[in-house]
Protein backbone atom coordinates (compact mmCIF):
# COMPACT_ATOMS: atom_id res chain seq x y z
CA UNK A 1 0.00 0.00 0.00
CA UNK A 2 1.40 3.38 -0.98
CA UNK A 3 1.76 6.02 1.67
CA UNK A 4 0.09 9.33 1.06
CA UNK A 5 1.15 12.71 2.39
CA UNK A 6 -0.53 16.08 2.71
CA UNK A 7 1.60 19.20 2.81
CA UNK A 8 0.17 22.43 4.20
CA UNK A 9 2.05 25.61 3.39
CA UNK A 10 1.55 29.35 3.26
CA UNK A 11 3.60 32.39 2.41
CA UNK A 12 2.16 34.13 5.48
CA UNK A 13 2.69 33.61 9.18
CA UNK A 14 -0.38 32.91 11.31
CA UNK A 15 -2.41 31.92 8.26
CA UNK A 16 -4.05 28.97 10.02
CA UNK A 17 -1.79 26.13 8.87
CA UNK A 18 -1.78 24.39 12.25
CA UNK A 19 -5.55 24.44 12.70
CA UNK A 20 -6.01 23.06 9.18
CA UNK A 21 -3.49 20.32 9.98
CA UNK A 22 -5.34 19.44 13.21
CA UNK A 23 -8.70 19.30 11.46
CA UNK A 24 -7.42 17.12 8.62
CA UNK A 25 -5.51 14.79 10.94
CA UNK A 26 -8.44 14.29 13.31
CA UNK A 27 -10.78 13.65 10.39
CA UNK A 28 -8.36 11.12 8.89
CA UNK A 29 -8.11 9.30 12.22
CA UNK A 30 -11.89 9.15 12.50
CA UNK A 31 -11.88 7.49 9.07
CA UNK A 32 -9.44 4.86 10.36
CA UNK A 33 -6.29 6.26 8.73
CA UNK A 34 -2.87 6.25 10.36
CA UNK A 35 -1.72 9.79 11.03
CA UNK A 36 1.68 11.33 11.70
CA UNK A 37 2.97 14.88 11.92
CA UNK A 38 6.18 16.57 10.82
CA UNK A 39 7.16 20.20 11.09
CA UNK A 40 10.51 21.55 9.93
CA UNK A 41 12.55 23.59 12.39
CA UNK A 42 11.21 27.12 12.32
CA UNK A 43 12.11 30.51 13.70
CA UNK A 44 9.67 30.09 16.59
CA UNK A 45 11.32 26.87 17.79
CA UNK A 46 12.97 27.07 21.20
CA UNK A 47 15.99 25.35 22.74
CA UNK A 48 15.70 23.53 26.05
CA UNK A 49 18.45 22.92 28.58
CA UNK A 50 19.33 19.54 27.02
CA UNK A 51 19.96 21.30 23.69
CA UNK A 52 16.84 19.94 22.05
CA UNK A 53 14.70 21.88 19.63
CA UNK A 54 11.16 22.25 20.93
CA UNK A 55 8.15 23.57 19.08
CA UNK A 56 4.80 24.36 20.69
CA UNK A 57 2.86 23.28 17.57
CA UNK A 58 4.58 19.89 17.52
CA UNK A 59 3.88 19.26 21.20
CA UNK A 60 0.23 20.30 20.75
CA UNK A 61 -0.23 18.05 17.71
CA UNK A 62 1.29 15.11 19.55
CA UNK A 63 -1.16 15.56 22.43
CA UNK A 64 -4.21 16.11 20.21
CA UNK A 65 -3.42 13.14 17.98
CA UNK A 66 -2.12 10.95 20.81
CA UNK A 67 1.17 10.41 18.98
CA UNK A 68 4.12 8.79 20.72
CA UNK A 69 7.79 9.63 20.42
CA UNK A 70 10.21 12.42 21.14
CA UNK A 71 8.87 15.82 20.00
CA UNK A 72 12.33 17.43 20.05
CA UNK A 73 15.21 17.04 17.66
CA UNK A 74 18.62 16.64 19.21
CA UNK A 75 21.32 19.00 18.06
CA UNK A 76 24.40 17.44 16.49
PDB file of N, CA and C in Angstrom:
ATOM      1  N   UNK A   1       0.844  -1.176   0.000  1.00  0.00           N
ATOM      2  CA  UNK A   1       0.000   0.000   0.000  1.00  0.00           C
ATOM      3  C   UNK A   1       0.892   1.244   0.000  1.00  0.00           C
ATOM      4  N   UNK A   2       0.616   2.146  -0.877  1.00  0.00           N
ATOM      5  CA  UNK A   2       1.398   3.379  -0.982  1.00  0.00           C
ATOM      6  C   UNK A   2       1.014   4.347   0.133  1.00  0.00           C
ATOM      7  N   UNK A   3       2.015   5.002   0.653  1.00  0.00           N
ATOM      8  CA  UNK A   3       1.759   6.024   1.669  1.00  0.00           C
ATOM      9  C   UNK A   3       1.384   7.322   0.978  1.00  0.00           C
ATOM     10  N   UNK A   4       0.509   8.056   1.615  1.00  0.00           N
ATOM     11  CA  UNK A   4       0.089   9.333   1.062  1.00  0.00           C
ATOM     12  C   UNK A   4       0.454  10.429   2.054  1.00  0.00           C
ATOM     13  N   UNK A   5       0.769  11.590   1.531  1.00  0.00           N
ATOM     14  CA  UNK A   5       1.145  12.712   2.385  1.00  0.00           C
ATOM     15  C   UNK A   5       0.365  13.950   1.971  1.00  0.00           C
ATOM     16  N   UNK A   6       0.102  14.788   2.947  1.00  0.00           N
ATOM     17  CA  UNK A   6      -0.535  16.078   2.712  1.00  0.00           C
ATOM     18  C   UNK A   6       0.421  17.134   3.240  1.00  0.00           C
ATOM     19  N   UNK A   7       0.729  18.096   2.415  1.00  0.00           N
ATOM     20  CA  UNK A   7       1.602  19.197   2.811  1.00  0.00           C
ATOM     21  C   UNK A   7       0.769  20.462   2.902  1.00  0.00           C
ATOM     22  N   UNK A   8       0.903  21.179   3.999  1.00  0.00           N
ATOM     23  CA  UNK A   8       0.168  22.426   4.205  1.00  0.00           C
ATOM     24  C   UNK A   8       1.196  23.537   4.293  1.00  0.00           C
ATOM     25  N   UNK A   9       1.070  24.528   3.433  1.00  0.00           N
ATOM     26  CA  UNK A   9       2.053  25.612   3.388  1.00  0.00           C
ATOM     27  C   UNK A   9       1.360  26.944   3.156  1.00  0.00           C
ATOM     28  N   UNK A  10       2.050  27.995   3.495  1.00  0.00           N
ATOM     29  CA  UNK A  10       1.550  29.349   3.264  1.00  0.00           C
ATOM     30  C   UNK A  10       2.741  30.284   3.170  1.00  0.00           C
ATOM     31  N   UNK A  11       2.553  31.362   2.470  1.00  0.00           N
ATOM     32  CA  UNK A  11       3.602  32.386   2.405  1.00  0.00           C
ATOM     33  C   UNK A  11       3.466  33.370   3.559  1.00  0.00           C
ATOM     34  N   UNK A  12       2.428  33.213   4.360  1.00  0.00           N
ATOM     35  CA  UNK A  12       2.165  34.126   5.478  1.00  0.00           C
ATOM     36  C   UNK A  12       2.280  33.403   6.814  1.00  0.00           C
ATOM     37  N   UNK A  13       2.731  34.123   7.820  1.00  0.00           N
ATOM     38  CA  UNK A  13       2.695  33.613   9.183  1.00  0.00           C
ATOM     39  C   UNK A  13       1.266  33.714   9.697  1.00  0.00           C
ATOM     40  N   UNK A  14       0.930  32.863  10.658  1.00  0.00           N
ATOM     41  CA  UNK A  14      -0.377  32.914  11.314  1.00  0.00           C
ATOM     42  C   UNK A  14      -1.541  32.854  10.318  1.00  0.00           C
ATOM     43  N   UNK A  15      -1.372  32.056   9.279  1.00  0.00           N
ATOM     44  CA  UNK A  15      -2.408  31.920   8.257  1.00  0.00           C
ATOM     45  C   UNK A  15      -3.406  30.805   8.591  1.00  0.00           C
ATOM     46  N   UNK A  16      -3.141  30.037   9.638  1.00  0.00           N
ATOM     47  CA  UNK A  16      -4.049  28.968  10.024  1.00  0.00           C
ATOM     48  C   UNK A  16      -3.601  27.582   9.619  1.00  0.00           C
ATOM     49  N   UNK A  17      -2.311  27.428   9.310  1.00  0.00           N
ATOM     50  CA  UNK A  17      -1.786  26.128   8.870  1.00  0.00           C
ATOM     51  C   UNK A  17      -1.967  25.054   9.937  1.00  0.00           C
ATOM     52  N   UNK A  18      -1.697  25.390  11.173  1.00  0.00           N
ATOM     53  CA  UNK A  18      -1.778  24.393  12.248  1.00  0.00           C
ATOM     54  C   UNK A  18      -3.206  23.931  12.479  1.00  0.00           C
ATOM     55  N   UNK A  19      -4.161  24.837  12.460  1.00  0.00           N
ATOM     56  CA  UNK A  19      -5.550  24.443  12.697  1.00  0.00           C
ATOM     57  C   UNK A  19      -6.077  23.594  11.545  1.00  0.00           C
ATOM     58  N   UNK A  20      -5.636  23.885  10.330  1.00  0.00           N
ATOM     59  CA  UNK A  20      -6.014  23.056   9.183  1.00  0.00           C
ATOM     60  C   UNK A  20      -5.403  21.667   9.344  1.00  0.00           C
ATOM     61  N   UNK A  21      -4.157  21.607   9.767  1.00  0.00           N
ATOM     62  CA  UNK A  21      -3.492  20.317   9.977  1.00  0.00           C
ATOM     63  C   UNK A  21      -4.210  19.502  11.049  1.00  0.00           C
ATOM     64  N   UNK A  22      -4.608  20.137  12.143  1.00  0.00           N
ATOM     65  CA  UNK A  22      -5.336  19.442  13.210  1.00  0.00           C
ATOM     66  C   UNK A  22      -6.654  18.888  12.681  1.00  0.00           C
ATOM     67  N   UNK A  23      -7.403  19.727  11.978  1.00  0.00           N
ATOM     68  CA  UNK A  23      -8.704  19.300  11.461  1.00  0.00           C
ATOM     69  C   UNK A  23      -8.563  18.125  10.494  1.00  0.00           C
ATOM     70  N   UNK A  24      -7.622  18.204   9.578  1.00  0.00           N
ATOM     71  CA  UNK A  24      -7.416  17.117   8.622  1.00  0.00           C
ATOM     72  C   UNK A  24      -6.959  15.836   9.307  1.00  0.00           C
ATOM     73  N   UNK A  25      -6.044  15.968  10.249  1.00  0.00           N
ATOM     74  CA  UNK A  25      -5.509  14.791  10.936  1.00  0.00           C
ATOM     75  C   UNK A  25      -6.590  14.105  11.772  1.00  0.00           C
ATOM     76  N   UNK A  26      -7.383  14.878  12.502  1.00  0.00           N
ATOM     77  CA  UNK A  26      -8.441  14.286  13.315  1.00  0.00           C
ATOM     78  C   UNK A  26      -9.498  13.623  12.437  1.00  0.00           C
ATOM     79  N   UNK A  27      -9.826  14.238  11.319  1.00  0.00           N
ATOM     80  CA  UNK A  27     -10.783  13.650  10.388  1.00  0.00           C
ATOM     81  C   UNK A  27     -10.240  12.342   9.815  1.00  0.00           C
ATOM     82  N   UNK A  28      -8.975  12.338   9.430  1.00  0.00           N
ATOM     83  CA  UNK A  28      -8.360  11.120   8.887  1.00  0.00           C
ATOM     84  C   UNK A  28      -8.379  10.000   9.924  1.00  0.00           C
ATOM     85  N   UNK A  29      -8.085  10.333  11.172  1.00  0.00           N
ATOM     86  CA  UNK A  29      -8.108   9.301  12.223  1.00  0.00           C
ATOM     87  C   UNK A  29      -9.502   8.743  12.416  1.00  0.00           C
ATOM     88  N   UNK A  30     -10.509   9.626  12.360  1.00  0.00           N
ATOM     89  CA  UNK A  30     -11.891   9.154  12.496  1.00  0.00           C
ATOM     90  C   UNK A  30     -12.258   8.197  11.368  1.00  0.00           C
ATOM     91  N   UNK A  31     -11.631   8.371  10.226  1.00  0.00           N
ATOM     92  CA  UNK A  31     -11.875   7.494   9.074  1.00  0.00           C
ATOM     93  C   UNK A  31     -10.998   6.238   9.107  1.00  0.00           C
ATOM     94  N   UNK A  32     -10.253   6.062  10.197  1.00  0.00           N
ATOM     95  CA  UNK A  32      -9.435   4.861  10.358  1.00  0.00           C
ATOM     96  C   UNK A  32      -8.054   4.929   9.734  1.00  0.00           C
ATOM     97  N   UNK A  33      -7.616   6.101   9.345  1.00  0.00           N
ATOM     98  CA  UNK A  33      -6.288   6.260   8.732  1.00  0.00           C
ATOM     99  C   UNK A  33      -5.224   6.429   9.806  1.00  0.00           C
ATOM    100  N   UNK A  34      -4.013   6.000   9.476  1.00  0.00           N
ATOM    101  CA  UNK A  34      -2.866   6.255  10.358  1.00  0.00           C
ATOM    102  C   UNK A  34      -2.379   7.666  10.094  1.00  0.00           C
ATOM    103  N   UNK A  35      -2.079   8.378  11.153  1.00  0.00           N
ATOM    104  CA  UNK A  35      -1.717   9.786  11.031  1.00  0.00           C
ATOM    105  C   UNK A  35      -0.395  10.055  11.734  1.00  0.00           C
ATOM    106  N   UNK A  36       0.439  10.861  11.107  1.00  0.00           N
ATOM    107  CA  UNK A  36       1.677  11.333  11.701  1.00  0.00           C
ATOM    108  C   UNK A  36       1.788  12.824  11.478  1.00  0.00           C
ATOM    109  N   UNK A  37       2.812  13.433  12.046  1.00  0.00           N
ATOM    110  CA  UNK A  37       2.975  14.881  11.924  1.00  0.00           C
ATOM    111  C   UNK A  37       4.455  15.209  11.853  1.00  0.00           C
ATOM    112  N   UNK A  38       4.807  16.101  10.957  1.00  0.00           N
ATOM    113  CA  UNK A  38       6.184  16.568  10.824  1.00  0.00           C
ATOM    114  C   UNK A  38       6.154  18.066  10.603  1.00  0.00           C
ATOM    115  N   UNK A  39       7.023  18.771  11.303  1.00  0.00           N
ATOM    116  CA  UNK A  39       7.158  20.205  11.094  1.00  0.00           C
ATOM    117  C   UNK A  39       8.647  20.524  11.060  1.00  0.00           C
ATOM    118  N   UNK A  40       9.096  21.163   9.990  1.00  0.00           N
ATOM    119  CA  UNK A  40      10.511  21.554   9.933  1.00  0.00           C
ATOM    120  C   UNK A  40      10.850  22.536  11.050  1.00  0.00           C
ATOM    121  N   UNK A  41      12.109  22.637  11.370  1.00  0.00           N
ATOM    122  CA  UNK A  41      12.546  23.593  12.390  1.00  0.00           C
ATOM    123  C   UNK A  41      12.264  24.999  11.892  1.00  0.00           C
ATOM    124  N   UNK A  42      11.564  25.765  12.708  1.00  0.00           N
ATOM    125  CA  UNK A  42      11.205  27.122  12.315  1.00  0.00           C
ATOM    126  C   UNK A  42      11.823  28.160  13.230  1.00  0.00           C
ATOM    127  N   UNK A  43      11.582  29.389  12.915  1.00  0.00           N
ATOM    128  CA  UNK A  43      12.115  30.508  13.699  1.00  0.00           C
ATOM    129  C   UNK A  43      11.568  30.497  15.118  1.00  0.00           C
ATOM    130  N   UNK A  44      10.319  30.078  15.277  1.00  0.00           N
ATOM    131  CA  UNK A  44       9.673  30.092  16.586  1.00  0.00           C
ATOM    132  C   UNK A  44      10.079  28.918  17.473  1.00  0.00           C
ATOM    133  N   UNK A  45      10.880  28.004  16.982  1.00  0.00           N
ATOM    134  CA  UNK A  45      11.323  26.875  17.792  1.00  0.00           C
ATOM    135  C   UNK A  45      12.217  27.380  18.920  1.00  0.00           C
ATOM    136  N   UNK A  46      12.181  26.678  20.039  1.00  0.00           N
ATOM    137  CA  UNK A  46      12.973  27.073  21.200  1.00  0.00           C
ATOM    138  C   UNK A  46      13.962  25.958  21.547  1.00  0.00           C
ATOM    139  N   UNK A  47      14.977  26.313  22.306  1.00  0.00           N
ATOM    140  CA  UNK A  47      15.992  25.346  22.741  1.00  0.00           C
ATOM    141  C   UNK A  47      15.785  25.082  24.220  1.00  0.00           C
ATOM    142  N   UNK A  48      15.786  23.815  24.623  1.00  0.00           N
ATOM    143  CA  UNK A  48      15.697  23.525  26.046  1.00  0.00           C
ATOM    144  C   UNK A  48      17.098  23.324  26.621  1.00  0.00           C
ATOM    145  N   UNK A  49      17.157  23.038  27.911  1.00  0.00           N
ATOM    146  CA  UNK A  49      18.453  22.917  28.582  1.00  0.00           C
ATOM    147  C   UNK A  49      19.263  21.714  28.112  1.00  0.00           C
ATOM    148  N   UNK A  50      18.624  20.718  27.528  1.00  0.00           N
ATOM    149  CA  UNK A  50      19.327  19.541  27.019  1.00  0.00           C
ATOM    150  C   UNK A  50      19.692  19.718  25.552  1.00  0.00           C
ATOM    151  N   UNK A  51      19.643  20.953  25.074  1.00  0.00           N
ATOM    152  CA  UNK A  51      19.965  21.304  23.690  1.00  0.00           C
ATOM    153  C   UNK A  51      19.090  20.554  22.689  1.00  0.00           C
ATOM    154  N   UNK A  52      17.804  20.514  22.985  1.00  0.00           N
ATOM    155  CA  UNK A  52      16.841  19.939  22.053  1.00  0.00           C
ATOM    156  C   UNK A  52      16.001  21.077  21.492  1.00  0.00           C
ATOM    157  N   UNK A  53      15.558  20.887  20.266  1.00  0.00           N
ATOM    158  CA  UNK A  53      14.696  21.876  19.626  1.00  0.00           C
ATOM    159  C   UNK A  53      13.255  21.521  19.968  1.00  0.00           C
ATOM    160  N   UNK A  54      12.545  22.475  20.540  1.00  0.00           N
ATOM    161  CA  UNK A  54      11.164  22.255  20.930  1.00  0.00           C
ATOM    162  C   UNK A  54      10.263  23.194  20.146  1.00  0.00           C
ATOM    163  N   UNK A  55       9.097  22.742  19.814  1.00  0.00           N
ATOM    164  CA  UNK A  55       8.151  23.567  19.082  1.00  0.00           C
ATOM    165  C   UNK A  55       6.766  23.350  19.683  1.00  0.00           C
ATOM    166  N   UNK A  56       6.111  24.431  20.048  1.00  0.00           N
ATOM    167  CA  UNK A  56       4.804  24.362  20.686  1.00  0.00           C
ATOM    168  C   UNK A  56       3.776  23.661  19.793  1.00  0.00           C
ATOM    169  N   UNK A  57       3.805  23.923  18.490  1.00  0.00           N
ATOM    170  CA  UNK A  57       2.865  23.282  17.573  1.00  0.00           C
ATOM    171  C   UNK A  57       3.052  21.773  17.549  1.00  0.00           C
ATOM    172  N   UNK A  58       4.294  21.331  17.548  1.00  0.00           N
ATOM    173  CA  UNK A  58       4.577  19.893  17.519  1.00  0.00           C
ATOM    174  C   UNK A  58       4.066  19.235  18.791  1.00  0.00           C
ATOM    175  N   UNK A  59       4.339  19.835  19.935  1.00  0.00           N
ATOM    176  CA  UNK A  59       3.878  19.265  21.199  1.00  0.00           C
ATOM    177  C   UNK A  59       2.353  19.223  21.252  1.00  0.00           C
ATOM    178  N   UNK A  60       1.693  20.267  20.768  1.00  0.00           N
ATOM    179  CA  UNK A  60       0.226  20.300  20.752  1.00  0.00           C
ATOM    180  C   UNK A  60      -0.339  19.214  19.843  1.00  0.00           C
ATOM    181  N   UNK A  61       0.235  19.078  18.649  1.00  0.00           N
ATOM    182  CA  UNK A  61      -0.231  18.054  17.712  1.00  0.00           C
ATOM    183  C   UNK A  61      -0.059  16.654  18.301  1.00  0.00           C
ATOM    184  N   UNK A  62       1.055  16.422  18.960  1.00  0.00           N
ATOM    185  CA  UNK A  62       1.294  15.109  19.546  1.00  0.00           C
ATOM    186  C   UNK A  62       0.238  14.789  20.598  1.00  0.00           C
ATOM    187  N   UNK A  63      -0.130  15.782  21.405  1.00  0.00           N
ATOM    188  CA  UNK A  63      -1.156  15.562  22.427  1.00  0.00           C
ATOM    189  C   UNK A  63      -2.523  15.346  21.790  1.00  0.00           C
ATOM    190  N   UNK A  64      -2.894  16.208  20.853  1.00  0.00           N
ATOM    191  CA  UNK A  64      -4.211  16.110  20.215  1.00  0.00           C
ATOM    192  C   UNK A  64      -4.397  14.803  19.452  1.00  0.00           C
ATOM    193  N   UNK A  65      -3.337  14.348  18.787  1.00  0.00           N
ATOM    194  CA  UNK A  65      -3.424  13.140  17.977  1.00  0.00           C
ATOM    195  C   UNK A  65      -2.980  11.881  18.716  1.00  0.00           C
ATOM    196  N   UNK A  66      -2.585  12.064  19.983  1.00  0.00           N
ATOM    197  CA  UNK A  66      -2.116  10.951  20.812  1.00  0.00           C
ATOM    198  C   UNK A  66      -0.969  10.206  20.142  1.00  0.00           C
ATOM    199  N   UNK A  67      -0.002  10.977  19.625  1.00  0.00           N
ATOM    200  CA  UNK A  67       1.174  10.410  18.980  1.00  0.00           C
ATOM    201  C   UNK A  67       2.244  10.144  20.024  1.00  0.00           C
ATOM    202  N   UNK A  68       3.027   9.123  19.820  1.00  0.00           N
ATOM    203  CA  UNK A  68       4.119   8.788  20.718  1.00  0.00           C
ATOM    204  C   UNK A  68       5.445   9.164  20.090  1.00  0.00           C
ATOM    205  N   UNK A  69       6.453   9.329  20.919  1.00  0.00           N
ATOM    206  CA  UNK A  69       7.794   9.631  20.415  1.00  0.00           C
ATOM    207  C   UNK A  69       8.343  10.887  21.064  1.00  0.00           C
ATOM    208  N   UNK A  70       9.520  11.261  20.627  1.00  0.00           N
ATOM    209  CA  UNK A  70      10.213  12.425  21.144  1.00  0.00           C
ATOM    210  C   UNK A  70       9.888  13.631  20.264  1.00  0.00           C
ATOM    211  N   UNK A  71       9.243  14.661  20.825  1.00  0.00           N
ATOM    212  CA  UNK A  71       8.867  15.817  19.999  1.00  0.00           C
ATOM    213  C   UNK A  71      10.035  16.745  19.671  1.00  0.00           C
ATOM    214  N   UNK A  72      11.177  16.541  20.292  1.00  0.00           N
ATOM    215  CA  UNK A  72      12.326  17.431  20.054  1.00  0.00           C
ATOM    216  C   UNK A  72      13.400  16.767  19.240  1.00  0.00           C
ATOM    217  N   UNK A  73      14.062  17.535  18.422  1.00  0.00           N
ATOM    218  CA  UNK A  73      15.209  17.041  17.662  1.00  0.00           C
ATOM    219  C   UNK A  73      16.472  17.359  18.430  1.00  0.00           C
ATOM    220  N   UNK A  74      17.367  16.422  18.509  1.00  0.00           N
ATOM    221  CA  UNK A  74      18.617  16.640  19.215  1.00  0.00           C
ATOM    222  C   UNK A  74      19.622  17.316  18.302  1.00  0.00           C
ATOM    223  N   UNK A  75      20.301  18.308  18.827  1.00  0.00           N
ATOM    224  CA  UNK A  75      21.322  19.004  18.056  1.00  0.00           C
ATOM    225  C   UNK A  75      22.543  18.124  17.881  1.00  0.00           C
ATOM    226  N   UNK A  76      23.184  18.206  16.752  1.00  0.00           N
ATOM    227  CA  UNK A  76      24.396  17.440  16.492  1.00  0.00           C
ATOM    228  C   UNK A  76      25.590  18.364  16.535  1.00  0.00           C
TER     229      UNK A  76
END
